[in-house]
Full PDB file with SEQRES, HELIX, SHEET, SSBOND, CRYST1, ORIGX, SCALE, CONECT and MASTER records, all heavy atoms in Angstrom:
SEQRES   1 A   37  GLU ALA LEU SER LEU HIS THR VAL SER GLY SER SER SER          
SEQRES   2 A   37  VAL GLU TRP VAL GLU GLY SER LEU LEU ALA GLN ARG GLN          
SEQRES   3 A   37  PRO LEU ILE TRP TYR LYS THR THR PHE ASN ALA                  
HELIX    1 AA1 VAL A    8  SER A   11  1                                   4    
HELIX    2 AA2 GLY A   19  LEU A   21  5                                   3    
CRYST1    1.000    1.000    1.000  90.00  90.00  90.00 P 1           1          
ORIGX1      1.000000  0.000000  0.000000        0.00000                         
ORIGX2      0.000000  1.000000  0.000000        0.00000                         
ORIGX3      0.000000  0.000000  1.000000        0.00000                         
SCALE1      1.000000  0.000000  0.000000        0.00000                         
SCALE2      0.000000  1.000000  0.000000        0.00000                         
SCALE3      0.000000  0.000000  1.000000        0.00000                         
ATOM      1  N   GLU A   1     -20.509 -37.416 -46.556  1.00  0.00           N  
ATOM      2  CA  GLU A   1     -21.917 -37.369 -46.154  1.00  0.00           C  
ATOM      3  C   GLU A   1     -22.194 -36.107 -45.344  1.00  0.00           C  
ATOM      4  O   GLU A   1     -23.207 -35.436 -45.549  1.00  0.00           O  
ATOM      5  CB  GLU A   1     -22.272 -38.615 -45.332  1.00  0.00           C  
ATOM      6  CG  GLU A   1     -22.332 -39.901 -46.128  1.00  0.00           C  
ATOM      7  CD  GLU A   1     -22.691 -41.094 -45.255  1.00  0.00           C  
ATOM      8  OE1 GLU A   1     -21.976 -41.333 -44.259  1.00  0.00           O  
ATOM      9  OE2 GLU A   1     -23.679 -41.785 -45.571  1.00  0.00           O  
ATOM     10  N   ALA A   2     -21.295 -35.796 -44.414  1.00  0.00           N  
ATOM     11  CA  ALA A   2     -21.486 -34.605 -43.586  1.00  0.00           C  
ATOM     12  C   ALA A   2     -21.493 -33.335 -44.430  1.00  0.00           C  
ATOM     13  O   ALA A   2     -22.203 -32.370 -44.123  1.00  0.00           O  
ATOM     14  CB  ALA A   2     -20.389 -34.530 -42.526  1.00  0.00           C  
ATOM     15  N   LEU A   3     -20.719 -33.341 -45.515  1.00  0.00           N  
ATOM     16  CA  LEU A   3     -20.667 -32.187 -46.413  1.00  0.00           C  
ATOM     17  C   LEU A   3     -21.777 -32.206 -47.461  1.00  0.00           C  
ATOM     18  O   LEU A   3     -21.866 -31.280 -48.270  1.00  0.00           O  
ATOM     19  CB  LEU A   3     -19.300 -32.151 -47.120  1.00  0.00           C  
ATOM     20  CG  LEU A   3     -18.078 -31.897 -46.237  1.00  0.00           C  
ATOM     21  CD1 LEU A   3     -16.789 -32.083 -47.041  1.00  0.00           C  
ATOM     22  CD2 LEU A   3     -18.130 -30.500 -45.630  1.00  0.00           C  
ATOM     23  N   SER A   4     -22.592 -33.258 -47.459  1.00  0.00           N  
ATOM     24  CA  SER A   4     -23.677 -33.415 -48.450  1.00  0.00           C  
ATOM     25  C   SER A   4     -23.140 -33.307 -49.871  1.00  0.00           C  
ATOM     26  O   SER A   4     -23.685 -32.587 -50.717  1.00  0.00           O  
ATOM     27  CB  SER A   4     -24.776 -32.369 -48.218  1.00  0.00           C  
ATOM     28  OG  SER A   4     -25.388 -32.554 -46.965  1.00  0.00           O  
ATOM     29  N   LEU A   5     -22.078 -34.048 -50.146  1.00  0.00           N  
ATOM     30  CA  LEU A   5     -21.487 -34.007 -51.483  1.00  0.00           C  
ATOM     31  C   LEU A   5     -22.431 -34.511 -52.564  1.00  0.00           C  
ATOM     32  O   LEU A   5     -22.192 -34.259 -53.746  1.00  0.00           O  
ATOM     33  CB  LEU A   5     -20.194 -34.846 -51.509  1.00  0.00           C  
ATOM     34  CG  LEU A   5     -19.016 -34.337 -50.675  1.00  0.00           C  
ATOM     35  CD1 LEU A   5     -17.779 -35.184 -50.939  1.00  0.00           C  
ATOM     36  CD2 LEU A   5     -18.717 -32.872 -50.966  1.00  0.00           C  
ATOM     37  N   HIS A   6     -23.499 -35.198 -52.167  1.00  0.00           N  
ATOM     38  CA  HIS A   6     -24.440 -35.710 -53.162  1.00  0.00           C  
ATOM     39  C   HIS A   6     -25.416 -34.640 -53.641  1.00  0.00           C  
ATOM     40  O   HIS A   6     -26.215 -34.901 -54.541  1.00  0.00           O  
ATOM     41  CB  HIS A   6     -25.214 -36.892 -52.577  1.00  0.00           C  
ATOM     42  CG  HIS A   6     -26.064 -36.541 -51.390  1.00  0.00           C  
ATOM     43  ND1 HIS A   6     -25.528 -36.287 -50.152  1.00  0.00           N  
ATOM     44  CD2 HIS A   6     -27.401 -36.397 -51.259  1.00  0.00           C  
ATOM     45  CE1 HIS A   6     -26.492 -36.008 -49.300  1.00  0.00           C  
ATOM     46  NE2 HIS A   6     -27.648 -36.062 -49.952  1.00  0.00           N  
ATOM     47  N   THR A   7     -25.355 -33.444 -53.052  1.00  0.00           N  
ATOM     48  CA  THR A   7     -26.255 -32.365 -53.448  1.00  0.00           C  
ATOM     49  C   THR A   7     -25.485 -31.303 -54.227  1.00  0.00           C  
ATOM     50  O   THR A   7     -24.257 -31.227 -54.168  1.00  0.00           O  
ATOM     51  CB  THR A   7     -26.902 -31.704 -52.223  1.00  0.00           C  
ATOM     52  OG1 THR A   7     -25.886 -31.030 -51.458  1.00  0.00           O  
ATOM     53  CG2 THR A   7     -27.589 -32.742 -51.341  1.00  0.00           C  
ATOM     54  N   VAL A   8     -26.229 -30.459 -54.942  1.00  0.00           N  
ATOM     55  CA  VAL A   8     -25.596 -29.409 -55.740  1.00  0.00           C  
ATOM     56  C   VAL A   8     -24.826 -28.447 -54.848  1.00  0.00           C  
ATOM     57  O   VAL A   8     -23.660 -28.120 -55.112  1.00  0.00           O  
ATOM     58  CB  VAL A   8     -26.660 -28.649 -56.564  1.00  0.00           C  
ATOM     59  CG1 VAL A   8     -26.028 -27.441 -57.260  1.00  0.00           C  
ATOM     60  CG2 VAL A   8     -27.300 -29.575 -57.588  1.00  0.00           C  
ATOM     61  N   SER A   9     -25.453 -28.009 -53.761  1.00  0.00           N  
ATOM     62  CA  SER A   9     -24.777 -27.051 -52.881  1.00  0.00           C  
ATOM     63  C   SER A   9     -23.607 -27.691 -52.161  1.00  0.00           C  
ATOM     64  O   SER A   9     -22.524 -27.101 -52.052  1.00  0.00           O  
ATOM     65  CB  SER A   9     -25.772 -26.472 -51.873  1.00  0.00           C  
ATOM     66  OG  SER A   9     -26.351 -27.513 -51.083  1.00  0.00           O  
ATOM     67  N   GLY A  10     -23.795 -28.910 -51.664  1.00  0.00           N  
ATOM     68  CA  GLY A  10     -22.719 -29.578 -50.938  1.00  0.00           C  
ATOM     69  C   GLY A  10     -21.539 -29.917 -51.818  1.00  0.00           C  
ATOM     70  O   GLY A  10     -20.380 -29.823 -51.390  1.00  0.00           O  
ATOM     71  N   SER A  11     -21.801 -30.293 -53.051  1.00  0.00           N  
ATOM     72  CA  SER A  11     -20.712 -30.705 -53.932  1.00  0.00           C  
ATOM     73  C   SER A  11     -19.801 -29.539 -54.297  1.00  0.00           C  
ATOM     74  O   SER A  11     -18.651 -29.739 -54.699  1.00  0.00           O  
ATOM     75  CB  SER A  11     -21.272 -31.343 -55.206  1.00  0.00           C  
ATOM     76  OG  SER A  11     -21.980 -30.391 -55.975  1.00  0.00           O  
ATOM     77  N   SER A  12     -20.301 -28.316 -54.149  1.00  0.00           N  
ATOM     78  CA  SER A  12     -19.487 -27.141 -54.469  1.00  0.00           C  
ATOM     79  C   SER A  12     -18.641 -26.682 -53.287  1.00  0.00           C  
ATOM     80  O   SER A  12     -17.906 -25.693 -53.399  1.00  0.00           O  
ATOM     81  CB  SER A  12     -20.395 -25.996 -54.928  1.00  0.00           C  
ATOM     82  OG  SER A  12     -21.278 -25.604 -53.883  1.00  0.00           O  
ATOM     83  N   SER A  13     -18.704 -27.407 -52.168  1.00  0.00           N  
ATOM     84  CA  SER A  13     -17.990 -26.979 -50.959  1.00  0.00           C  
ATOM     85  C   SER A  13     -16.575 -27.519 -50.872  1.00  0.00           C  
ATOM     86  O   SER A  13     -15.843 -27.170 -49.949  1.00  0.00           O  
ATOM     87  CB  SER A  13     -18.776 -27.406 -49.714  1.00  0.00           C  
ATOM     88  OG  SER A  13     -18.813 -28.827 -49.609  1.00  0.00           O  
ATOM     89  N   VAL A  14     -16.203 -28.403 -51.799  1.00  0.00           N  
ATOM     90  CA  VAL A  14     -14.854 -28.971 -51.785  1.00  0.00           C  
ATOM     91  C   VAL A  14     -14.237 -28.834 -53.171  1.00  0.00           C  
ATOM     92  O   VAL A  14     -14.932 -28.552 -54.158  1.00  0.00           O  
ATOM     93  CB  VAL A  14     -14.865 -30.462 -51.367  1.00  0.00           C  
ATOM     94  CG1 VAL A  14     -15.457 -30.629 -49.983  1.00  0.00           C  
ATOM     95  CG2 VAL A  14     -15.629 -31.312 -52.381  1.00  0.00           C  
ATOM     96  N   GLU A  15     -12.928 -29.046 -53.238  1.00  0.00           N  
ATOM     97  CA  GLU A  15     -12.234 -29.002 -54.516  1.00  0.00           C  
ATOM     98  C   GLU A  15     -12.149 -30.407 -55.103  1.00  0.00           C  
ATOM     99  O   GLU A  15     -11.631 -31.323 -54.476  1.00  0.00           O  
ATOM    100  CB  GLU A  15     -10.833 -28.416 -54.339  1.00  0.00           C  
ATOM    101  CG  GLU A  15     -10.822 -26.934 -53.999  1.00  0.00           C  
ATOM    102  CD  GLU A  15      -9.419 -26.349 -54.033  1.00  0.00           C  
ATOM    103  OE1 GLU A  15      -8.514 -27.012 -54.596  1.00  0.00           O  
ATOM    104  OE2 GLU A  15      -9.234 -25.243 -53.497  1.00  0.00           O  
ATOM    105  N   TRP A  16     -12.668 -30.545 -56.296  1.00  0.00           N  
ATOM    106  CA  TRP A  16     -12.623 -31.806 -57.024  1.00  0.00           C  
ATOM    107  C   TRP A  16     -11.480 -31.752 -58.036  1.00  0.00           C  
ATOM    108  O   TRP A  16     -11.088 -30.671 -58.479  1.00  0.00           O  
ATOM    109  CB  TRP A  16     -13.942 -32.060 -57.753  1.00  0.00           C  
ATOM    110  CG  TRP A  16     -15.149 -32.129 -56.858  1.00  0.00           C  
ATOM    111  CD1 TRP A  16     -15.766 -31.086 -56.235  1.00  0.00           C  
ATOM    112  CD2 TRP A  16     -15.883 -33.294 -56.494  1.00  0.00           C  
ATOM    113  NE1 TRP A  16     -16.843 -31.521 -55.492  1.00  0.00           N  
ATOM    114  CE2 TRP A  16     -16.951 -32.889 -55.644  1.00  0.00           C  
ATOM    115  CE3 TRP A  16     -15.768 -34.651 -56.799  1.00  0.00           C  
ATOM    116  CZ2 TRP A  16     -17.873 -33.775 -55.106  1.00  0.00           C  
ATOM    117  CZ3 TRP A  16     -16.698 -35.537 -56.268  1.00  0.00           C  
ATOM    118  CH2 TRP A  16     -17.728 -35.114 -55.424  1.00  0.00           C  
ATOM    119  N   VAL A  17     -10.983 -32.925 -58.410  1.00  0.00           N  
ATOM    120  CA  VAL A  17      -9.945 -32.983 -59.437  1.00  0.00           C  
ATOM    121  C   VAL A  17     -10.477 -33.771 -60.626  1.00  0.00           C  
ATOM    122  O   VAL A  17     -11.426 -34.551 -60.510  1.00  0.00           O  
ATOM    123  CB  VAL A  17      -8.649 -33.627 -58.907  1.00  0.00           C  
ATOM    124  CG1 VAL A  17      -8.090 -32.811 -57.747  1.00  0.00           C  
ATOM    125  CG2 VAL A  17      -8.886 -35.078 -58.484  1.00  0.00           C  
ATOM    126  N   GLU A  18      -9.837 -33.549 -61.777  1.00  0.00           N  
ATOM    127  CA  GLU A  18     -10.293 -34.223 -62.994  1.00  0.00           C  
ATOM    128  C   GLU A  18      -9.108 -34.477 -63.895  1.00  0.00           C  
ATOM    129  O   GLU A  18      -7.953 -34.239 -63.529  1.00  0.00           O  
ATOM    130  CB  GLU A  18     -11.348 -33.362 -63.698  1.00  0.00           C  
ATOM    131  CG  GLU A  18     -10.907 -31.952 -64.022  1.00  0.00           C  
ATOM    132  CD  GLU A  18     -12.057 -31.094 -64.516  1.00  0.00           C  
ATOM    133  OE1 GLU A  18     -12.920 -31.626 -65.219  1.00  0.00           O  
ATOM    134  OE2 GLU A  18     -12.086 -29.889 -64.197  1.00  0.00           O  
ATOM    135  N   GLY A  19      -9.405 -34.988 -65.090  1.00  0.00           N  
ATOM    136  CA  GLY A  19      -8.353 -35.247 -66.068  1.00  0.00           C  
ATOM    137  C   GLY A  19      -7.361 -36.271 -65.580  1.00  0.00           C  
ATOM    138  O   GLY A  19      -7.727 -37.325 -65.055  1.00  0.00           O  
ATOM    139  N   SER A  20      -6.082 -35.961 -65.702  1.00  0.00           N  
ATOM    140  CA  SER A  20      -5.035 -36.913 -65.322  1.00  0.00           C  
ATOM    141  C   SER A  20      -4.970 -37.141 -63.818  1.00  0.00           C  
ATOM    142  O   SER A  20      -4.387 -38.125 -63.349  1.00  0.00           O  
ATOM    143  CB  SER A  20      -3.670 -36.418 -65.816  1.00  0.00           C  
ATOM    144  OG  SER A  20      -3.353 -35.159 -65.223  1.00  0.00           O  
ATOM    145  N   LEU A  21      -5.575 -36.233 -63.045  1.00  0.00           N  
ATOM    146  CA  LEU A  21      -5.570 -36.385 -61.592  1.00  0.00           C  
ATOM    147  C   LEU A  21      -6.763 -37.192 -61.068  1.00  0.00           C  
ATOM    148  O   LEU A  21      -6.854 -37.454 -59.869  1.00  0.00           O  
ATOM    149  CB  LEU A  21      -5.568 -34.999 -60.934  1.00  0.00           C  
ATOM    150  CG  LEU A  21      -4.362 -34.113 -61.227  1.00  0.00           C  
ATOM    151  CD1 LEU A  21      -4.538 -32.750 -60.572  1.00  0.00           C  
ATOM    152  CD2 LEU A  21      -3.070 -34.780 -60.752  1.00  0.00           C  
ATOM    153  N   LEU A  22      -7.665 -37.568 -61.969  1.00  0.00           N  
ATOM    154  CA  LEU A  22      -8.864 -38.315 -61.559  1.00  0.00           C  
ATOM    155  C   LEU A  22      -8.468 -39.626 -60.887  1.00  0.00           C  
ATOM    156  O   LEU A  22      -7.712 -40.427 -61.455  1.00  0.00           O  
ATOM    157  CB  LEU A  22      -9.739 -38.603 -62.781  1.00  0.00           C  
ATOM    158  CG  LEU A  22     -11.071 -39.311 -62.501  1.00  0.00           C  
ATOM    159  CD1 LEU A  22     -12.076 -38.343 -61.883  1.00  0.00           C  
ATOM    160  CD2 LEU A  22     -11.654 -39.912 -63.789  1.00  0.00           C  
ATOM    161  N   ALA A  23      -8.963 -39.828 -59.670  1.00  0.00           N  
ATOM    162  CA  ALA A  23      -8.661 -41.069 -58.946  1.00  0.00           C  
ATOM    163  C   ALA A  23      -9.436 -42.227 -59.556  1.00  0.00           C  
ATOM    164  O   ALA A  23     -10.640 -42.119 -59.798  1.00  0.00           O  
ATOM    165  CB  ALA A  23      -9.031 -40.913 -57.475  1.00  0.00           C  
ATOM    166  N   GLN A  24      -8.738 -43.330 -59.821  1.00  0.00           N  
ATOM    167  CA  GLN A  24      -9.387 -44.525 -60.365  1.00  0.00           C  
ATOM    168  C   GLN A  24      -8.877 -45.757 -59.633  1.00  0.00           C  
ATOM    169  O   GLN A  24      -7.713 -45.821 -59.236  1.00  0.00           O  
ATOM    170  CB  GLN A  24      -9.111 -44.669 -61.859  1.00  0.00           C  
ATOM    171  CG  GLN A  24      -9.738 -43.583 -62.719  1.00  0.00           C  
ATOM    172  CD  GLN A  24      -9.588 -43.864 -64.194  1.00  0.00           C  
ATOM    173  OE1 GLN A  24      -9.872 -44.957 -64.662  1.00  0.00           O  
ATOM    174  NE2 GLN A  24      -9.149 -42.863 -64.949  1.00  0.00           N  
ATOM    175  N   ARG A  25      -9.776 -46.698 -59.472  1.00  0.00           N  
ATOM    176  CA  ARG A  25      -9.461 -47.980 -58.835  1.00  0.00           C  
ATOM    177  C   ARG A  25      -8.796 -47.781 -57.475  1.00  0.00           C  
ATOM    178  O   ARG A  25      -7.843 -48.472 -57.109  1.00  0.00           O  
ATOM    179  CB  ARG A  25      -8.591 -48.846 -59.757  1.00  0.00           C  
ATOM    180  CG  ARG A  25      -9.237 -49.061 -61.114  1.00  0.00           C  
ATOM    181  CD  ARG A  25      -8.627 -50.179 -61.899  1.00  0.00           C  
ATOM    182  NE  ARG A  25      -9.245 -50.304 -63.215  1.00  0.00           N  
ATOM    183  CZ  ARG A  25     -10.429 -50.877 -63.465  1.00  0.00           C  
ATOM    184  NH1 ARG A  25     -11.135 -51.372 -62.457  1.00  0.00           N  
ATOM    185  NH2 ARG A  25     -10.911 -50.936 -64.687  1.00  0.00           N  
ATOM    186  N   GLN A  26      -9.315 -46.796 -56.740  1.00  0.00           N  
ATOM    187  CA  GLN A  26      -8.856 -46.530 -55.383  1.00  0.00           C  
ATOM    188  C   GLN A  26     -10.057 -46.581 -54.446  1.00  0.00           C  
ATOM    189  O   GLN A  26     -11.168 -46.228 -54.836  1.00  0.00           O  
ATOM    190  CB  GLN A  26      -8.198 -45.153 -55.294  1.00  0.00           C  
ATOM    191  CG  GLN A  26      -6.947 -44.995 -56.127  1.00  0.00           C  
ATOM    192  CD  GLN A  26      -6.382 -43.589 -56.033  1.00  0.00           C  
ATOM    193  OE1 GLN A  26      -6.482 -42.938 -54.991  1.00  0.00           O  
ATOM    194  NE2 GLN A  26      -5.794 -43.109 -57.119  1.00  0.00           N  
ATOM    195  N   PRO A  27      -9.850 -47.000 -53.197  1.00  0.00           N  
ATOM    196  CA  PRO A  27     -10.976 -47.064 -52.261  1.00  0.00           C  
ATOM    197  C   PRO A  27     -11.365 -45.681 -51.749  1.00  0.00           C  
ATOM    198  O   PRO A  27     -10.556 -44.750 -51.730  1.00  0.00           O  
ATOM    199  CB  PRO A  27     -10.439 -47.936 -51.130  1.00  0.00           C  
ATOM    200  CG  PRO A  27      -8.952 -47.704 -51.159  1.00  0.00           C  
ATOM    201  CD  PRO A  27      -8.601 -47.512 -52.608  1.00  0.00           C  
ATOM    202  N   LEU A  28     -12.606 -45.558 -51.334  1.00  0.00           N  
ATOM    203  CA  LEU A  28     -13.148 -44.375 -50.671  1.00  0.00           C  
ATOM    204  C   LEU A  28     -12.968 -43.111 -51.514  1.00  0.00           C  
ATOM    205  O   LEU A  28     -12.311 -42.150 -51.115  1.00  0.00           O  
ATOM    206  CB  LEU A  28     -12.528 -44.182 -49.286  1.00  0.00           C  
ATOM    207  CG  LEU A  28     -12.623 -45.354 -48.303  1.00  0.00           C  
ATOM    208  CD1 LEU A  28     -12.238 -44.892 -46.906  1.00  0.00           C  
ATOM    209  CD2 LEU A  28     -13.995 -45.996 -48.302  1.00  0.00           C  
ATOM    210  N   ILE A  29     -13.584 -43.129 -52.691  1.00  0.00           N  
ATOM    211  CA  ILE A  29     -13.516 -42.000 -53.609  1.00  0.00           C  
ATOM    212  C   ILE A  29     -14.932 -41.547 -53.964  1.00  0.00           C  
ATOM    213  O   ILE A  29     -15.809 -42.374 -54.248  1.00  0.00           O  
ATOM    214  CB  ILE A  29     -12.769 -42.365 -54.912  1.00  0.00           C  
ATOM    215  CG1 ILE A  29     -11.359 -42.871 -54.598  1.00  0.00           C  
ATOM    216  CG2 ILE A  29     -12.712 -41.156 -55.848  1.00  0.00           C  
ATOM    217  CD1 ILE A  29     -10.435 -41.849 -53.998  1.00  0.00           C  
ATOM    218  N   TRP A  30     -15.130 -40.234 -53.950  1.00  0.00           N  
ATOM    219  CA  TRP A  30     -16.366 -39.637 -54.444  1.00  0.00           C  
ATOM    220  C   TRP A  30     -16.151 -39.200 -55.894  1.00  0.00           C  
ATOM    221  O   TRP A  30     -15.094 -38.664 -56.245  1.00  0.00           O  
ATOM    222  CB  TRP A  30     -16.745 -38.408 -53.611  1.00  0.00           C  
ATOM    223  CG  TRP A  30     -17.154 -38.729 -52.206  1.00  0.00           C  
ATOM    224  CD1 TRP A  30     -16.328 -38.910 -51.138  1.00  0.00           C  
ATOM    225  CD2 TRP A  30     -18.484 -38.896 -51.712  1.00  0.00           C  
ATOM    226  NE1 TRP A  30     -17.049 -39.195 -49.999  1.00  0.00           N  
ATOM    227  CE2 TRP A  30     -18.390 -39.186 -50.325  1.00  0.00           C  
ATOM    228  CE3 TRP A  30     -19.748 -38.825 -52.290  1.00  0.00           C  
ATOM    229  CZ2 TRP A  30     -19.502 -39.401 -49.520  1.00  0.00           C  
ATOM    230  CZ3 TRP A  30     -20.859 -39.044 -51.493  1.00  0.00           C  
ATOM    231  CH2 TRP A  30     -20.739 -39.329 -50.132  1.00  0.00           C  
ATOM    232  N   TYR A  31     -17.176 -39.446 -56.719  1.00  0.00           N  
ATOM    233  CA  TYR A  31     -17.138 -39.007 -58.113  1.00  0.00           C  
ATOM    234  C   TYR A  31     -18.381 -38.176 -58.406  1.00  0.00           C  
ATOM    235  O   TYR A  31     -19.459 -38.437 -57.862  1.00  0.00           O  
ATOM    236  CB  TYR A  31     -17.120 -40.207 -59.066  1.00  0.00           C  
ATOM    237  CG  TYR A  31     -15.900 -41.079 -58.952  1.00  0.00           C  
ATOM    238  CD1 TYR A  31     -15.943 -42.291 -58.269  1.00  0.00           C  
ATOM    239  CD2 TYR A  31     -14.694 -40.701 -59.540  1.00  0.00           C  
ATOM    240  CE1 TYR A  31     -14.826 -43.099 -58.176  1.00  0.00           C  
ATOM    241  CE2 TYR A  31     -13.560 -41.507 -59.445  1.00  0.00           C  
ATOM    242  CZ  TYR A  31     -13.636 -42.702 -58.764  1.00  0.00           C  
ATOM    243  OH  TYR A  31     -12.524 -43.499 -58.664  1.00  0.00           O  
ATOM    244  N   LYS A  32     -18.223 -37.192 -59.278  1.00  0.00           N  
ATOM    245  CA  LYS A  32     -19.391 -36.436 -59.706  1.00  0.00           C  
ATOM    246  C   LYS A  32     -19.257 -36.058 -61.173  1.00  0.00           C  
ATOM    247  O   LYS A  32     -18.148 -35.923 -61.715  1.00  0.00           O  
ATOM    248  CB  LYS A  32     -19.597 -35.188 -58.855  1.00  0.00           C  
ATOM    249  CG  LYS A  32     -18.685 -34.005 -59.188  1.00  0.00           C  
ATOM    250  CD  LYS A  32     -19.194 -32.718 -58.534  1.00  0.00           C  
ATOM    251  CE  LYS A  32     -18.340 -31.520 -58.941  1.00  0.00           C  
ATOM    252  NZ  LYS A  32     -18.890 -30.237 -58.442  1.00  0.00           N  
ATOM    253  N   THR A  33     -20.424 -35.881 -61.807  1.00  0.00           N  
ATOM    254  CA  THR A  33     -20.498 -35.404 -63.171  1.00  0.00           C  
ATOM    255  C   THR A  33     -21.872 -34.792 -63.376  1.00  0.00           C  
ATOM    256  O   THR A  33     -22.752 -34.922 -62.511  1.00  0.00           O  
ATOM    257  CB  THR A  33     -20.246 -36.538 -64.182  1.00  0.00           C  
ATOM    258  OG1 THR A  33     -20.115 -35.999 -65.496  1.00  0.00           O  
ATOM    259  CG2 THR A  33     -21.390 -37.543 -64.183  1.00  0.00           C  
ATOM    260  N   THR A  34     -22.055 -34.118 -64.488  1.00  0.00           N  
ATOM    261  CA  THR A  34     -23.377 -33.599 -64.847  1.00  0.00           C  
ATOM    262  C   THR A  34     -23.725 -34.072 -66.245  1.00  0.00           C  
ATOM    263  O   THR A  34     -22.831 -34.364 -67.065  1.00  0.00           O  
ATOM    264  CB  THR A  34     -23.424 -32.063 -64.794  1.00  0.00           C  
ATOM    265  OG1 THR A  34     -22.424 -31.529 -65.673  1.00  0.00           O  
ATOM    266  CG2 THR A  34     -23.191 -31.555 -63.383  1.00  0.00           C  
ATOM    267  N   PHE A  35     -25.017 -34.143 -66.526  1.00  0.00           N  
ATOM    268  CA  PHE A  35     -25.460 -34.597 -67.845  1.00  0.00           C  
ATOM    269  C   PHE A  35     -26.849 -34.049 -68.128  1.00  0.00           C  
ATOM    270  O   PHE A  35     -27.585 -33.663 -67.215  1.00  0.00           O  
ATOM    271  CB  PHE A  35     -25.464 -36.130 -67.922  1.00  0.00           C  
ATOM    272  CG  PHE A  35     -26.472 -36.795 -67.017  1.00  0.00           C  
ATOM    273  CD1 PHE A  35     -27.729 -37.165 -67.481  1.00  0.00           C  
ATOM    274  CD2 PHE A  35     -26.161 -37.057 -65.684  1.00  0.00           C  
ATOM    275  CE1 PHE A  35     -28.660 -37.774 -66.642  1.00  0.00           C  
ATOM    276  CE2 PHE A  35     -27.086 -37.661 -64.840  1.00  0.00           C  
ATOM    277  CZ  PHE A  35     -28.343 -38.018 -65.325  1.00  0.00           C  
ATOM    278  N   ASN A  36     -27.200 -34.045 -69.390  1.00  0.00           N  
ATOM    279  CA  ASN A  36     -28.535 -33.631 -69.816  1.00  0.00           C  
ATOM    280  C   ASN A  36     -29.423 -34.854 -69.964  1.00  0.00           C  
ATOM    281  O   ASN A  36     -28.947 -35.945 -70.304  1.00  0.00           O  
ATOM    282  CB  ASN A  36     -28.467 -32.873 -71.142  1.00  0.00           C  
ATOM    283  CG  ASN A  36     -27.680 -31.589 -71.030  1.00  0.00           C  
ATOM    284  OD1 ASN A  36     -27.580 -31.005 -69.945  1.00  0.00           O  
ATOM    285  ND2 ASN A  36     -27.103 -31.139 -72.139  1.00  0.00           N  
ATOM    286  N   ALA A  37     -30.698 -34.665 -69.709  1.00  0.00           N  
ATOM    287  CA  ALA A  37     -31.639 -35.778 -69.825  1.00  0.00           C  
ATOM    288  C   ALA A  37     -31.794 -36.166 -71.293  1.00  0.00           C  
ATOM    289  O   ALA A  37     -31.952 -35.299 -72.157  1.00  0.00           O  
ATOM    290  CB  ALA A  37     -32.989 -35.394 -69.238  1.00  0.00           C  
TER     291      ALA A  37                                                      
MASTER        0    0    0    2    0    0    0    6  290    1    0    3          
END                                                                             
C-alpha cells in the first residue's frame, strides 16, 4: 500500500516474478497483470 502497487507508477517500483516463480496459494501476495478491454 505504501508503495502504491495498485497504480501504474507504483507497480513499477518493485521487482515482480512470473512463470515458474509465480507465488500461488500463499498468504500476503500481490498479483498484477494487464489486459485489453
